[in-house]
């Protein structure tokens, strides 16, 4: 069975705390995460919601649960797909060295029907999100 795990990373010239803030601050996520504000208490077991409008028109709402948090080094959450019963487990691992924060993202989109399509969509989406995250963090 093929593994459907998107693996991406990007180097950002910014303090790790600034990158963490950009990942967890709704006013910042709306600038790079498909115009969605993220909301959570950032505690394991708590809800996470990304809510906004794709292309400023199409309502989007992603819901899930926080699995693990080790601020500012690790954030893991599970998102539930409302169209089918699939889930995505997203893990953000951050490291910092010599003024560079590296964020490693994995997105396990699951298996079964539609997994290949979800995988391809996720690859494109994370490319856009990481590019926007880098631009946002480095402009400050």
Protein backbone atom coordinates (compact mmCIF):
# COMPACT_ATOMS: atom_id res chain seq x y z
CA UNK A 1 0.00 0.00 0.00
CA UNK A 2 1.35 3.43 -0.93
CA UNK A 3 2.08 5.88 1.84
CA UNK A 4 0.26 9.20 1.39
CA UNK A 5 2.35 11.46 3.59
CA UNK A 6 3.31 14.91 2.36
CA UNK A 7 6.74 15.94 3.65
CA UNK A 8 7.85 19.56 3.27
CA UNK A 9 10.34 21.87 4.92
CA UNK A 10 11.44 25.46 4.57
CA UNK A 11 14.09 27.66 6.15
CA UNK A 12 12.87 30.98 7.54
CA UNK A 13 15.19 33.78 8.62
CA UNK A 14 13.30 34.61 11.81
CA UNK A 15 13.29 33.69 15.49
CA UNK A 16 11.52 30.44 16.32
CA UNK A 17 9.04 32.36 18.52
CA UNK A 18 8.02 34.51 15.53
CA UNK A 19 7.38 31.42 13.39
CA UNK A 20 5.38 29.80 16.21
CA UNK A 21 3.31 32.97 16.54
CA UNK A 22 2.62 32.94 12.81
CA UNK A 23 1.41 29.32 13.09
CA UNK A 24 -0.92 29.98 16.02
CA UNK A 25 -2.09 33.59 15.67
CA UNK A 26 -5.41 33.88 13.76
CA UNK A 27 -4.60 37.35 12.46
CA UNK A 28 -1.41 35.99 10.94
CA UNK A 29 -2.73 32.67 9.60
CA UNK A 30 -5.36 34.53 7.58
CA UNK A 31 -2.49 36.17 5.65
CA UNK A 32 -0.99 32.93 4.35
CA UNK A 33 -3.29 29.96 5.11
CA UNK A 34 -5.96 30.38 2.41
CA UNK A 35 -7.44 33.41 4.23
CA UNK A 36 -8.31 31.21 7.22
CA UNK A 37 -8.08 32.20 10.86
CA UNK A 38 -6.95 29.40 13.15
CA UNK A 39 -8.57 29.04 16.56
CA UNK A 40 -7.55 26.78 19.41
CA UNK A 41 -6.49 26.84 23.06
CA UNK A 42 -3.34 24.95 21.94
CA UNK A 43 -3.72 22.22 24.54
CA UNK A 44 -3.76 18.48 23.72
CA UNK A 45 -7.34 17.30 23.26
CA UNK A 46 -8.67 20.78 22.46
CA UNK A 47 -10.39 21.71 19.22
CA UNK A 48 -8.65 23.39 16.30
CA UNK A 49 -10.56 25.20 13.57
CA UNK A 50 -9.40 26.89 10.40
CA UNK A 51 -12.19 29.12 9.11
CA UNK A 52 -12.26 31.58 6.23
CA UNK A 53 -12.98 31.95 2.53
CA UNK A 54 -11.02 30.32 -0.27
CA UNK A 55 -10.41 32.80 -3.09
CA UNK A 56 -12.40 35.28 -0.90
CA UNK A 57 -15.62 33.58 -2.07
CA UNK A 58 -15.82 29.89 -1.13
CA UNK A 59 -16.44 29.29 2.59
CA UNK A 60 -13.91 26.91 4.12
CA UNK A 61 -13.90 25.36 7.55
CA UNK A 62 -11.48 22.68 8.72
CA UNK A 63 -12.02 21.15 12.14
CA UNK A 64 -9.94 18.84 14.22
CA UNK A 65 -8.22 18.13 17.51
CA UNK A 66 -4.83 19.11 18.92
CA UNK A 67 -2.78 15.95 19.48
CA UNK A 68 0.56 17.29 20.79
CA UNK A 69 2.04 20.68 21.68
CA UNK A 70 5.57 21.52 22.78
CA UNK A 71 5.80 25.28 22.22
CA UNK A 72 7.70 26.46 20.18
CA UNK A 73 9.10 23.15 18.89
CA UNK A 74 6.16 20.90 17.98
CA UNK A 75 2.53 21.15 16.99
CA UNK A 76 0.49 18.14 15.87
CA UNK A 77 -3.21 18.04 15.07
CA UNK A 78 -5.73 15.80 13.34
CA UNK A 79 -8.15 17.35 10.85
CA UNK A 80 -11.41 15.61 9.95
CA UNK A 81 -12.66 15.70 6.37
CA UNK A 82 -16.40 16.35 6.34
CA UNK A 83 -16.84 15.10 2.76
CA UNK A 84 -15.77 11.59 3.68
CA UNK A 85 -14.57 9.90 6.84
CA UNK A 86 -10.88 10.57 6.16
CA UNK A 87 -8.49 12.35 8.50
CA UNK A 88 -5.21 14.18 8.04
CA UNK A 89 -2.58 14.21 10.76
CA UNK A 90 -0.44 17.33 10.43
CA UNK A 91 2.84 17.64 12.32
CA UNK A 92 4.86 20.88 12.45
CA UNK A 93 8.38 20.44 13.86
CA UNK A 94 10.52 23.54 14.30
CA UNK A 95 14.27 23.80 14.81
CA UNK A 96 16.42 26.90 15.15
CA UNK A 97 20.12 27.43 14.47
CA UNK A 98 22.19 30.50 13.59
CA UNK A 99 19.18 32.77 13.07
CA UNK A 100 17.33 30.30 10.83
CA UNK A 101 14.15 28.53 11.87
CA UNK A 102 13.42 25.40 9.87
CA UNK A 103 9.89 24.10 9.84
CA UNK A 104 9.34 20.47 8.86
CA UNK A 105 5.74 19.65 7.99
CA UNK A 106 4.26 16.22 7.50
CA UNK A 107 0.66 15.72 6.46
CA UNK A 108 -0.53 12.12 6.59
CA UNK A 109 -3.67 12.29 4.47
CA UNK A 110 -4.59 8.68 5.21
CA UNK A 111 -5.34 5.86 2.84
CA UNK A 112 -8.31 4.34 1.09
CA UNK A 113 -10.57 5.89 -1.49
CA UNK A 114 -9.52 9.37 -2.57
CA UNK A 115 -6.13 9.27 -0.80
CA UNK A 116 -4.12 9.92 -3.96
CA UNK A 117 -6.26 12.96 -4.82
CA UNK A 118 -6.01 14.31 -1.25
CA UNK A 119 -2.24 13.78 -1.37
CA UNK A 120 -1.79 15.73 -4.63
CA UNK A 121 -4.01 18.55 -3.36
CA UNK A 122 -2.11 18.68 -0.08
CA UNK A 123 1.30 18.86 -1.83
CA UNK A 124 0.19 21.96 -3.75
CA UNK A 125 -1.50 23.50 -0.72
CA UNK A 126 1.53 23.15 1.55
CA UNK A 127 3.81 24.68 -1.08
CA UNK A 128 1.61 27.79 -1.09
CA UNK A 129 1.22 27.88 2.71
CA UNK A 130 4.95 27.55 3.41
CA UNK A 131 5.85 30.20 0.85
CA UNK A 132 3.37 32.60 2.49
CA UNK A 133 4.55 31.71 6.00
CA UNK A 134 8.16 32.43 5.04
CA UNK A 135 7.24 35.78 3.44
CA UNK A 136 5.17 36.82 6.46
CA UNK A 137 7.86 35.91 9.01
CA UNK A 138 10.72 37.45 7.08
CA UNK A 139 8.98 40.78 6.39
CA UNK A 140 8.87 41.60 10.11
